[in-house]
Amino acid sequence: MPHVSESEGAPNGGALESRGLEPVPDAERTGRVRELFPTWVAANISVLLLTMGAGLVVFNGLNFWQVLLVAAVAPVLSYGIVGVISIAGKRGGAPGMALSRAVFGQRGNLFPGALIWVARWGWETINAVAGAYAVLTVLDLLLGVKSNTFLIVVTLLVFVSLTFLVSGLGINALRVCSKWSTYLFGAFSVLVLAYLVADTDWSAVFAKPAGSTAMLVAGIGTIAAGGISWVPSGPDFTRYLPRTASSKGVVGSTVGGAGIVVLPMVLMGAVMAVSTPDLASAQDPVSFIGELLPMWISVPYLLIALIGMLLINSMSMYSAGFTAQTLGIKVPRAAAVSVNAVISLVFGFLLMVVASSFIGSFISFLTLLAVAFSAWIGVFGVDMLRRRSYDAAALMDTTRTSAYWYRGGFAWQAMTAWGVALVVGLLFTKVDWFAGPLASSWIGRNGLGWAATIVLAAVLYAVLPRTPEKVPVEPVPARETVSI
């Protein structure tokens, strides 16, 4: 295991975190459960939630009370799963995709790891684009500068560069930024809510008829998909917690931090959609804020939301660096992050300049992302119920001597459950450019392909015969000879 001094690796030892995949020693686990609350607040500070809330009204046809139900249930469901999986972080002291080696095997883990790493490219691209649009909107409001290709490139480059900087510094920088952005965003969100309460035609809001139950369930799935995408990253933010940290506190802080943002943001988007229904399908998912709110609210609100989106991307890239390392990319975590930074920059440019529909691309991506991550969640979750600890040395040993080598480096039980569930989940999935043959079924119509994937993966993994862990072979001491 690579050695990292306490001053370098510990979260309280300095701004720069140099620890990589290796499990955190017990002596360095000085984190507190309450620090998770602002972390998950920051992970949801995105104006895209406003657009998604508007989509529940425009596309799903839901009324105010149905949107309220969706906004309350979705974060409890999705971030409840994030919180539960995060418990593995305090048990093993390692990032989620490193702990995943104990489940899938040293070689087998490369398959879900590669898929999750690629999926993060899309998530980081979406957030980079939203951040760039926020900058462009502020420039337009304050200076009257209109968007053009040159400005798109510049704003994307600045946003991605700042993301790379914060994520490269490590967990300490993320914690500090999360704490202060939580305070600022909370204060201005209250201000925006107060303005909406006073300025909205509430008779029109409450006069909207209810939508179908199928669209209600599908709406929960759409909003929950954002939270599902964070599940493999959950342990990354709990690995500095002591083993004795409260598991209930981990789940409660995760759900509470996410829910306190998701609920009002989705509701605000739904209310805004009544007077401006076009915002649900706008190519630019940010500029509508400048049209609906006065400048003295919209500009600072967008700037704070920009910080939030920067943090979301930084957290995602922070985890992506670990995922890249589990794939055998032998570079420091900060260097591994640079790969995702370049990819999000290129894809972001294509999405802003070439793609015809941002929100369509966003919802399609979220839907596929949820299915891709759900197969891993089902398998990893069942494994968590069976084990209470992880072998730190075996996690870092990628050779045949590792206890997690299993058969040829693969845990065939986990690989089978993951692969079958992933394929079946896609059969139930429908997006703009892809529709599985079972997408018209009840599960498909209600947008529950991701839920079916979790259940199927968990059941298969639970009933298949377990792959035994490899027992390390102790070297046989040489026979002692006696000279006469």
Protein backbone atom coordinates (compact mmCIF):
# COMPACT_ATOMS: atom_id res chain seq x y z
CA MET A 1 0.00 0.00 0.00
CA PRO A 2 1.45 3.41 -0.90
CA HIS A 3 2.43 5.40 2.15
CA VAL A 4 0.85 8.79 2.71
CA SER A 5 1.75 10.86 5.73
CA GLU A 6 -0.97 12.04 8.07
CA SER A 7 -0.42 15.66 7.10
CA GLU A 8 -0.94 14.79 3.45
CA GLY A 9 -3.78 12.33 3.63
CA ALA A 10 -5.95 13.43 6.52
CA PRO A 11 -8.85 15.77 5.82
CA ASN A 12 -7.75 18.13 8.59
CA GLY A 13 -4.08 18.12 7.66
CA GLY A 14 -4.15 20.82 4.99
CA ALA A 15 -5.92 22.08 1.91
CA LEU A 16 -4.40 19.59 -0.50
CA GLU A 17 -5.47 15.97 -0.20
CA SER A 18 -3.01 13.53 -1.75
CA ARG A 19 -4.53 10.27 -0.57
CA GLY A 20 -5.77 8.09 -3.40
CA LEU A 21 -7.50 4.72 -3.39
CA GLU A 22 -5.78 3.36 -0.30
CA PRO A 23 -8.07 2.95 2.74
CA VAL A 24 -7.82 5.70 5.36
CA PRO A 25 -6.17 4.50 8.61
CA ASP A 26 -8.34 4.68 11.73
CA ALA A 27 -6.09 7.35 13.24
CA GLU A 28 -6.96 9.73 10.37
CA ARG A 29 -10.72 9.21 10.48
CA THR A 30 -11.59 12.47 12.16
CA GLY A 31 -14.60 13.44 10.06
CA ARG A 32 -18.03 14.21 11.52
CA VAL A 33 -21.39 12.99 10.28
CA ARG A 34 -22.83 16.51 10.32
CA GLU A 35 -20.33 17.51 7.61
CA LEU A 36 -22.32 15.37 5.16
CA PHE A 37 -25.30 17.74 5.33
CA PRO A 38 -23.70 20.70 3.49
CA THR A 39 -21.96 18.25 1.15
CA TRP A 40 -25.30 16.98 -0.18
CA VAL A 41 -26.82 20.45 -0.14
CA ALA A 42 -24.01 21.56 -2.44
CA ALA A 43 -24.47 18.47 -4.64
CA ASN A 44 -27.95 19.72 -5.54
CA ILE A 45 -27.45 23.46 -6.01
CA SER A 46 -28.33 23.48 -9.69
CA VAL A 47 -30.78 25.55 -11.70
CA LEU A 48 -31.46 22.37 -13.68
CA LEU A 49 -33.82 21.39 -10.86
CA LEU A 50 -35.94 24.39 -11.82
CA THR A 51 -36.10 23.16 -15.40
CA MET A 52 -36.95 19.64 -14.24
CA GLY A 53 -39.71 20.99 -12.00
CA ALA A 54 -41.12 22.88 -14.96
CA GLY A 55 -40.99 19.69 -17.02
CA LEU A 56 -43.23 17.95 -14.46
CA VAL A 57 -45.93 20.51 -15.26
CA VAL A 58 -45.40 20.92 -19.02
CA PHE A 59 -44.46 17.39 -20.11
CA ASN A 60 -45.92 15.19 -17.35
CA GLY A 61 -49.06 17.30 -16.94
CA LEU A 62 -48.91 17.28 -13.13
CA ASN A 63 -50.60 19.84 -10.90
CA PHE A 64 -49.05 21.64 -7.92
CA TRP A 65 -49.92 19.00 -5.32
CA GLN A 66 -48.59 16.18 -7.48
CA VAL A 67 -45.34 18.07 -8.03
CA LEU A 68 -45.11 18.55 -4.27
CA LEU A 69 -45.45 14.79 -3.80
CA VAL A 70 -42.79 14.10 -6.44
CA ALA A 71 -40.42 16.66 -4.92
CA ALA A 72 -40.83 15.11 -1.46
CA VAL A 73 -40.64 11.42 -2.39
CA ALA A 74 -37.85 11.50 -5.00
CA PRO A 75 -34.99 12.76 -2.75
CA VAL A 76 -36.02 10.49 0.14
CA LEU A 77 -35.97 7.50 -2.20
CA SER A 78 -32.80 8.27 -4.16
CA TYR A 79 -30.68 9.88 -1.46
CA GLY A 80 -31.86 7.26 1.01
CA ILE A 81 -30.05 4.78 -1.24
CA VAL A 82 -27.04 7.11 -1.40
CA GLY A 83 -26.97 7.26 2.40
CA VAL A 84 -27.23 3.50 2.85
CA ILE A 85 -24.43 2.76 0.38
CA SER A 86 -22.35 5.53 2.01
CA ILE A 87 -22.18 3.38 5.17
CA ALA A 88 -19.69 1.18 3.31
CA GLY A 89 -17.29 4.13 3.28
CA LYS A 90 -16.98 4.26 7.06
CA ARG A 91 -16.67 0.47 7.21
CA GLY A 92 -13.89 0.21 4.66
CA GLY A 93 -12.37 3.70 4.69
CA ALA A 94 -11.99 3.62 0.90
CA PRO A 95 -13.75 5.15 -2.14
CA GLY A 96 -16.83 3.36 -3.45
CA MET A 97 -15.27 1.94 -6.59
CA ALA A 98 -12.28 0.64 -4.60
CA LEU A 99 -14.64 -1.15 -2.20
CA SER A 100 -16.40 -2.52 -5.27
CA ARG A 101 -13.32 -4.69 -5.90
CA ALA A 102 -14.39 -6.82 -2.93
CA VAL A 103 -17.72 -7.46 -4.68
CA PHE A 104 -16.82 -7.98 -8.34
CA GLY A 105 -13.20 -9.11 -8.08
CA GLN A 106 -10.06 -7.24 -9.05
CA ARG A 107 -10.65 -7.79 -12.77
CA GLY A 108 -14.42 -7.97 -12.69
CA ASN A 109 -14.64 -4.52 -11.13
CA LEU A 110 -13.16 -3.04 -14.30
CA PHE A 111 -16.47 -3.57 -16.13
CA PRO A 112 -18.90 -1.64 -13.87
CA GLY A 113 -16.05 0.78 -13.12
CA ALA A 114 -15.55 1.62 -16.78
CA LEU A 115 -19.29 2.09 -17.33
CA ILE A 116 -19.64 4.37 -14.30
CA TRP A 117 -16.56 6.36 -15.34
CA VAL A 118 -17.96 6.93 -18.82
CA ALA A 119 -21.37 7.85 -17.36
CA ARG A 120 -19.68 10.54 -15.29
CA TRP A 121 -18.49 12.19 -18.50
CA GLY A 122 -22.09 12.93 -19.37
CA TRP A 123 -22.97 14.18 -15.89
CA GLU A 124 -19.97 16.51 -15.80
CA THR A 125 -20.72 17.71 -19.32
CA ILE A 126 -24.32 18.57 -18.42
CA ASN A 127 -23.22 20.56 -15.37
CA ALA A 128 -20.41 22.30 -17.24
CA VAL A 129 -22.93 23.42 -19.86
CA ALA A 130 -25.37 24.66 -17.21
CA GLY A 131 -22.55 26.57 -15.52
CA ALA A 132 -21.44 28.13 -18.80
CA TYR A 133 -25.03 29.19 -19.55
CA ALA A 134 -25.21 30.81 -16.11
CA VAL A 135 -22.09 32.88 -16.86
CA LEU A 136 -23.45 33.87 -20.27
CA THR A 137 -26.77 34.92 -18.74
CA VAL A 138 -25.04 37.11 -16.12
CA LEU A 139 -22.92 38.75 -18.85
CA ASP A 140 -26.08 39.47 -20.83
CA LEU A 141 -27.96 40.90 -17.84
CA LEU A 142 -25.13 43.09 -16.57
CA LEU A 143 -23.30 44.10 -19.76
CA GLY A 144 -25.68 43.28 -22.58
CA VAL A 145 -23.11 40.90 -24.08
CA LYS A 146 -24.84 38.26 -26.23
CA SER A 147 -23.69 34.68 -26.51
CA ASN A 148 -21.47 33.63 -29.40
CA THR A 149 -19.18 30.71 -30.17
CA PHE A 150 -16.08 32.43 -28.79
CA LEU A 151 -17.80 33.25 -25.50
CA ILE A 152 -19.13 29.69 -25.24
CA VAL A 153 -15.59 28.32 -25.52
CA VAL A 154 -14.22 30.83 -22.99
CA THR A 155 -16.95 30.29 -20.39
CA LEU A 156 -16.71 26.52 -20.70
CA LEU A 157 -12.95 26.66 -20.34
CA VAL A 158 -13.15 28.87 -17.23
CA PHE A 159 -15.84 26.73 -15.60
CA VAL A 160 -14.07 23.42 -16.26
CA SER A 161 -10.72 24.84 -15.13
CA LEU A 162 -12.19 25.97 -11.80
CA THR A 163 -13.85 22.59 -11.41
CA PHE A 164 -10.52 20.87 -11.97
CA LEU A 165 -8.84 23.14 -9.41
CA VAL A 166 -11.36 22.54 -6.60
CA SER A 167 -11.68 18.79 -7.20
CA GLY A 168 -7.91 18.45 -7.42
CA LEU A 169 -7.44 20.07 -4.01
CA GLY A 170 -9.52 17.30 -2.46
CA ILE A 171 -12.10 16.79 0.23
CA ASN A 172 -11.06 19.69 2.49
CA ALA A 173 -11.65 22.24 -0.26
CA LEU A 174 -14.98 20.61 -1.10
CA ARG A 175 -16.09 20.76 2.53
CA VAL A 176 -15.23 24.45 2.93
CA CYS A 177 -16.90 25.43 -0.35
CA SER A 178 -19.95 23.30 0.42
CA LYS A 179 -20.40 24.94 3.82
CA TRP A 180 -20.39 28.52 2.57
CA SER A 181 -22.35 27.86 -0.60
CA THR A 182 -25.03 26.25 1.57
CA TYR A 183 -25.40 29.42 3.63
CA LEU A 184 -25.43 31.75 0.62
CA PHE A 185 -27.70 29.65 -1.56
CA GLY A 186 -30.12 29.09 1.30
CA ALA A 187 -30.42 32.82 1.97
CA PHE A 188 -31.04 33.75 -1.66
CA SER A 189 -33.42 30.83 -2.23
CA VAL A 190 -35.58 32.19 0.58
CA LEU A 191 -35.49 35.57 -1.16
CA VAL A 192 -36.55 34.03 -4.50
CA LEU A 193 -39.32 32.06 -2.80
CA ALA A 194 -40.62 35.23 -1.15
CA TYR A 195 -40.64 37.02 -4.51
CA LEU A 196 -42.49 34.15 -6.19
CA VAL A 197 -45.06 34.00 -3.41
CA ALA A 198 -45.79 37.70 -3.87
CA ASP A 199 -45.64 37.82 -7.68
CA THR A 200 -47.26 34.53 -8.78
CA ASP A 201 -50.83 34.14 -9.97
CA TRP A 202 -51.70 31.40 -7.51
CA SER A 203 -55.22 30.95 -8.85
CA ALA A 204 -53.69 29.81 -12.16
CA VAL A 205 -51.25 27.53 -10.32
CA PHE A 206 -53.96 25.76 -8.31
CA ALA A 207 -56.42 25.65 -11.21
CA LYS A 208 -54.27 23.23 -13.18
CA PRO A 209 -55.90 19.76 -13.33
CA ALA A 210 -54.18 16.65 -12.00
CA GLY A 211 -52.14 14.43 -14.28
CA SER A 212 -52.20 10.65 -14.52
CA THR A 213 -50.75 8.32 -11.92
CA ALA A 214 -48.35 6.94 -14.55
CA MET A 215 -46.92 10.43 -15.14
CA LEU A 216 -46.69 10.98 -11.38
CA VAL A 217 -44.63 7.80 -10.93
CA ALA A 218 -42.51 8.64 -13.98
CA GLY A 219 -41.88 12.09 -12.51
CA ILE A 220 -40.58 10.57 -9.30
CA GLY A 221 -38.23 8.42 -11.36
CA THR A 222 -36.95 11.41 -13.35
CA ILE A 223 -36.15 13.50 -10.28
CA ALA A 224 -34.78 10.49 -8.40
CA ALA A 225 -32.39 9.68 -11.27
CA GLY A 226 -30.21 12.63 -10.31
CA GLY A 227 -29.75 11.20 -6.82
CA ILE A 228 -29.19 7.67 -8.11
CA SER A 229 -26.20 8.95 -10.07
CA TRP A 230 -24.47 9.84 -6.78
CA VAL A 231 -24.80 6.38 -5.19
CA PRO A 232 -21.37 4.95 -6.19
CA SER A 233 -19.78 8.19 -4.94
CA GLY A 234 -21.40 8.03 -1.49
CA PRO A 235 -18.53 6.15 0.23
CA ASP A 236 -16.02 8.67 -1.17
CA PHE A 237 -17.38 11.26 1.26
CA THR A 238 -17.70 9.00 4.33
CA ARG A 239 -14.32 7.26 4.25
CA TYR A 240 -12.88 9.78 6.73
CA LEU A 241 -15.63 9.03 9.27
CA PRO A 242 -14.70 6.80 12.22
CA ARG A 243 -16.08 3.27 12.15
CA THR A 244 -18.26 4.11 15.15
CA ALA A 245 -20.05 6.97 13.34
CA SER A 246 -23.83 6.67 13.40
CA SER A 247 -25.19 4.87 10.32
CA LYS A 248 -28.60 6.46 10.89
CA GLY A 249 -26.87 9.84 11.05
CA VAL A 250 -25.15 9.18 7.72
CA VAL A 251 -28.46 8.38 6.02
CA GLY A 252 -30.30 11.24 7.74
CA SER A 253 -27.69 13.87 6.85
CA THR A 254 -27.59 12.68 3.24
CA VAL A 255 -31.36 12.72 2.76
CA GLY A 256 -31.80 15.95 4.71
CA GLY A 257 -29.09 17.84 2.84
CA ALA A 258 -30.44 16.81 -0.56
CA GLY A 259 -34.12 17.16 0.29
CA ILE A 260 -33.84 20.68 1.66
CA VAL A 261 -32.71 21.79 -1.82
CA VAL A 262 -34.58 19.46 -4.16
CA LEU A 263 -38.04 20.09 -2.67
CA PRO A 264 -38.17 23.91 -2.98
CA MET A 265 -36.23 24.03 -6.27
CA VAL A 266 -38.53 21.58 -8.05
CA LEU A 267 -41.59 23.40 -6.67
CA MET A 268 -40.19 26.77 -7.78
CA GLY A 269 -39.67 25.42 -11.29
CA ALA A 270 -43.23 24.12 -11.39
CA VAL A 271 -44.63 27.47 -10.29
CA MET A 272 -42.50 29.34 -12.83
CA ALA A 273 -43.75 27.03 -15.60
CA VAL A 274 -47.32 28.23 -15.15
CA SER A 275 -46.43 31.71 -16.42
CA THR A 276 -43.51 30.65 -18.66
CA PRO A 277 -44.14 27.11 -19.99
CA ASP A 278 -41.41 27.51 -22.63
CA LEU A 279 -38.70 27.21 -19.99
CA ALA A 280 -39.25 23.44 -19.81
CA SER A 281 -38.08 23.00 -23.40
CA ALA A 282 -35.64 25.90 -23.78
CA GLN A 283 -32.28 25.20 -25.37
CA ASP A 284 -30.77 27.46 -22.71
CA PRO A 285 -31.94 26.15 -19.30
CA VAL A 286 -30.75 29.22 -17.37
CA SER A 287 -31.61 32.50 -19.12
CA PHE A 288 -35.29 32.30 -18.13
CA ILE A 289 -34.28 33.27 -14.57
CA GLY A 290 -33.32 36.69 -15.87
CA GLU A 291 -36.75 37.01 -17.51
CA LEU A 292 -38.77 35.96 -14.46
CA LEU A 293 -36.83 37.67 -11.66
CA PRO A 294 -35.65 41.29 -11.27
CA MET A 295 -31.96 41.86 -11.86
CA TRP A 296 -31.18 42.56 -8.19
CA ILE A 297 -32.30 39.00 -7.39
CA SER A 298 -31.45 37.10 -10.57
CA VAL A 299 -27.77 38.13 -10.87
CA PRO A 300 -26.63 37.21 -7.33
CA TYR A 301 -28.84 34.12 -7.41
CA LEU A 302 -27.23 32.95 -10.66
CA LEU A 303 -23.75 33.64 -9.32
CA ILE A 304 -24.42 31.57 -6.20
CA ALA A 305 -26.05 28.84 -8.29
CA LEU A 306 -22.93 28.94 -10.47
CA ILE A 307 -20.84 28.16 -7.39
CA GLY A 308 -23.21 25.30 -6.66
CA MET A 309 -22.86 23.84 -10.14
CA LEU A 310 -19.10 24.23 -9.85
CA LEU A 311 -19.23 22.18 -6.63
CA ILE A 312 -21.44 19.52 -8.21
CA ASN A 313 -18.93 19.05 -10.97
CA SER A 314 -16.01 19.17 -8.55
CA MET A 315 -17.58 16.42 -6.42
CA SER A 316 -18.24 14.32 -9.50
CA MET A 317 -14.68 14.78 -10.79
CA TYR A 318 -13.31 14.06 -7.31
CA SER A 319 -15.03 10.65 -7.41
CA ALA A 320 -14.17 10.16 -11.08
CA GLY A 321 -10.49 10.41 -10.21
CA PHE A 322 -10.85 7.41 -7.89
CA THR A 323 -12.82 5.48 -10.51
CA ALA A 324 -10.08 6.09 -13.08
CA GLN A 325 -7.49 4.79 -10.62
CA THR A 326 -9.48 1.59 -10.08
CA LEU A 327 -9.29 1.03 -13.84
CA GLY A 328 -5.52 0.82 -13.62
CA ILE A 329 -4.70 4.38 -14.69
CA LYS A 330 -1.55 4.74 -12.60
CA VAL A 331 -1.52 8.47 -11.97
CA PRO A 332 -2.29 10.57 -8.88
CA ARG A 333 -5.99 11.28 -8.28
CA ALA A 334 -5.63 14.96 -9.25
CA ALA A 335 -4.05 13.97 -12.55
CA ALA A 336 -6.79 11.40 -13.21
CA VAL A 337 -9.34 14.19 -12.77
CA SER A 338 -7.79 16.05 -15.72
CA VAL A 339 -9.03 13.35 -18.11
CA ASN A 340 -12.65 14.04 -17.16
CA ALA A 341 -12.03 17.78 -17.34
CA VAL A 342 -10.90 17.59 -20.96
CA ILE A 343 -13.77 15.29 -21.92
CA SER A 344 -16.42 17.53 -20.33
CA LEU A 345 -14.92 20.52 -22.13
CA VAL A 346 -15.16 18.85 -25.56
CA PHE A 347 -18.60 17.32 -25.02
CA GLY A 348 -19.87 20.55 -23.47
CA PHE A 349 -18.94 22.50 -26.58
CA LEU A 350 -20.78 19.98 -28.77
CA LEU A 351 -23.90 20.14 -26.58
CA MET A 352 -24.02 23.94 -26.58
CA VAL A 353 -23.21 24.47 -30.26
CA VAL A 354 -24.43 21.35 -32.08
CA ALA A 355 -27.26 19.73 -30.06
CA SER A 356 -30.78 20.95 -30.83
CA SER A 357 -32.38 20.30 -27.43
CA PHE A 358 -30.57 20.62 -24.14
CA ILE A 359 -33.39 19.42 -21.90
CA GLY A 360 -34.14 16.46 -24.19
CA SER A 361 -30.50 15.42 -24.07
CA PHE A 362 -30.45 15.95 -20.30
CA ILE A 363 -33.52 13.81 -19.53
CA SER A 364 -32.34 11.05 -21.90
CA PHE A 365 -28.97 11.04 -20.22
CA LEU A 366 -30.47 10.93 -16.70
CA THR A 367 -32.68 8.00 -17.67
CA LEU A 368 -29.81 5.94 -19.07
CA LEU A 369 -27.53 6.98 -16.20
CA ALA A 370 -30.00 5.69 -13.61
CA VAL A 371 -30.18 2.27 -15.28
CA ALA A 372 -26.40 2.03 -15.67
CA PHE A 373 -25.79 2.81 -11.99
CA SER A 374 -28.73 0.74 -10.71
CA ALA A 375 -27.25 -2.61 -11.74
CA TRP A 376 -24.18 -1.84 -9.59
CA ILE A 377 -26.39 -0.61 -6.71
CA GLY A 378 -28.37 -3.85 -6.50
CA VAL A 379 -25.28 -6.05 -6.33
CA PHE A 380 -23.24 -3.81 -4.03
CA GLY A 381 -26.19 -3.25 -1.70
CA VAL A 382 -26.78 -6.96 -1.11
CA ASP A 383 -23.06 -7.48 -0.54
CA MET A 384 -23.16 -4.75 2.13
CA LEU A 385 -25.82 -6.70 4.01
CA ARG A 386 -23.50 -9.72 4.12
CA ARG A 387 -20.24 -8.11 5.18
CA ARG A 388 -19.29 -5.70 7.94
CA SER A 389 -15.65 -5.06 7.04
CA TYR A 390 -13.22 -4.94 4.12
CA ASP A 391 -9.68 -6.26 3.88
CA ALA A 392 -7.60 -3.12 3.27
CA ALA A 393 -4.59 -5.01 1.94
CA ALA A 394 -6.71 -7.14 -0.40
CA LEU A 395 -8.42 -4.04 -1.83
CA MET A 396 -5.07 -2.64 -2.94
CA ASP A 397 -3.58 -5.95 -4.05
CA THR A 398 -4.50 -6.37 -7.73
CA THR A 399 -2.49 -9.57 -8.17
CA ARG A 400 -3.51 -13.22 -7.87
CA THR A 401 -2.57 -13.18 -4.19
CA SER A 402 -5.49 -10.85 -3.33
CA ALA A 403 -8.34 -12.27 -1.26
CA TYR A 404 -10.59 -10.51 -3.79
CA TRP A 405 -9.11 -12.27 -6.79
CA TYR A 406 -11.82 -14.97 -6.72
CA ARG A 407 -11.69 -17.02 -9.94
CA GLY A 408 -9.37 -15.49 -12.48
CA GLY A 409 -9.97 -12.07 -10.97
CA PHE A 410 -13.77 -12.29 -11.35
CA ALA A 411 -16.61 -12.88 -8.89
CA TRP A 412 -18.87 -14.62 -11.42
CA GLN A 413 -21.94 -14.35 -9.19
CA ALA A 414 -21.69 -10.53 -9.03
CA MET A 415 -20.77 -10.21 -12.71
CA THR A 416 -23.74 -12.34 -13.80
CA ALA A 417 -26.24 -10.43 -11.67
CA TRP A 418 -24.84 -7.07 -12.82
CA GLY A 419 -24.78 -7.96 -16.52
CA VAL A 420 -28.24 -9.54 -16.68
CA ALA A 421 -29.87 -6.71 -14.70
CA LEU A 422 -28.22 -4.06 -16.86
CA VAL A 423 -29.51 -5.62 -20.09
CA VAL A 424 -33.02 -6.16 -18.72
CA GLY A 425 -33.15 -2.60 -17.37
CA LEU A 426 -32.35 -1.23 -20.83
CA LEU A 427 -35.16 -3.33 -22.31
CA PHE A 428 -37.61 -1.32 -20.17
CA THR A 429 -36.05 2.04 -21.02
CA LYS A 430 -37.17 4.67 -23.51
CA VAL A 431 -35.38 7.92 -24.36
CA ASP A 432 -35.41 10.30 -27.32
CA TRP A 433 -33.16 8.14 -29.48
CA PHE A 434 -33.59 4.67 -27.99
CA ALA A 435 -36.52 2.48 -26.95
CA GLY A 436 -36.21 -1.01 -25.51
CA PRO A 437 -38.69 -3.69 -26.64
CA LEU A 438 -40.34 -3.64 -23.19
CA ALA A 439 -40.59 0.16 -22.94
CA SER A 440 -44.35 0.02 -23.58
CA SER A 441 -44.93 -2.30 -20.59
CA TRP A 442 -46.26 -1.01 -17.25
CA ILE A 443 -42.72 -0.74 -15.88
CA GLY A 444 -41.52 1.07 -18.98
CA ARG A 445 -44.47 3.49 -19.20
CA ASN A 446 -44.01 4.46 -15.56
CA GLY A 447 -40.28 5.07 -15.99
CA LEU A 448 -39.33 2.32 -13.55
CA GLY A 449 -36.61 0.65 -15.60
CA TRP A 450 -34.00 1.76 -13.04
CA ALA A 451 -36.03 0.33 -10.12
CA ALA A 452 -36.49 -2.99 -11.93
CA THR A 453 -32.74 -3.06 -12.54
CA ILE A 454 -31.94 -2.64 -8.83
CA VAL A 455 -34.42 -5.33 -7.78
CA LEU A 456 -33.32 -7.85 -10.41
CA ALA A 457 -29.61 -7.32 -9.69
CA ALA A 458 -30.19 -7.71 -5.94
CA VAL A 459 -32.33 -10.85 -6.27
CA LEU A 460 -29.96 -12.56 -8.69
CA TYR A 461 -26.93 -11.78 -6.58
CA ALA A 462 -28.69 -13.01 -3.44
CA VAL A 463 -29.77 -16.39 -4.88
CA LEU A 464 -26.74 -17.32 -6.96
CA PRO A 465 -24.09 -19.44 -5.21
CA ARG A 466 -21.47 -17.23 -3.56
CA THR A 467 -17.99 -17.00 -5.01
CA PRO A 468 -15.56 -17.80 -2.16
CA GLU A 469 -12.85 -15.30 -1.33
CA LYS A 470 -9.32 -16.41 -2.07
CA VAL A 471 -7.46 -17.41 1.09
CA PRO A 472 -3.91 -16.01 1.06
CA VAL A 473 -1.29 -18.74 1.06
CA GLU A 474 1.33 -18.25 3.72
CA PRO A 475 4.87 -18.97 2.50
CA VAL A 476 6.30 -22.22 3.83
CA PRO A 477 9.50 -21.56 5.81
CA ALA A 478 12.60 -23.27 4.50
CA ARG A 479 13.71 -26.34 6.46
CA GLU A 480 16.40 -25.41 8.91
CA THR A 481 19.70 -27.24 8.38
CA VAL A 482 22.26 -27.87 11.07
CA SER A 483 25.92 -27.85 10.28
CA ILE A 484 28.09 -30.36 12.10
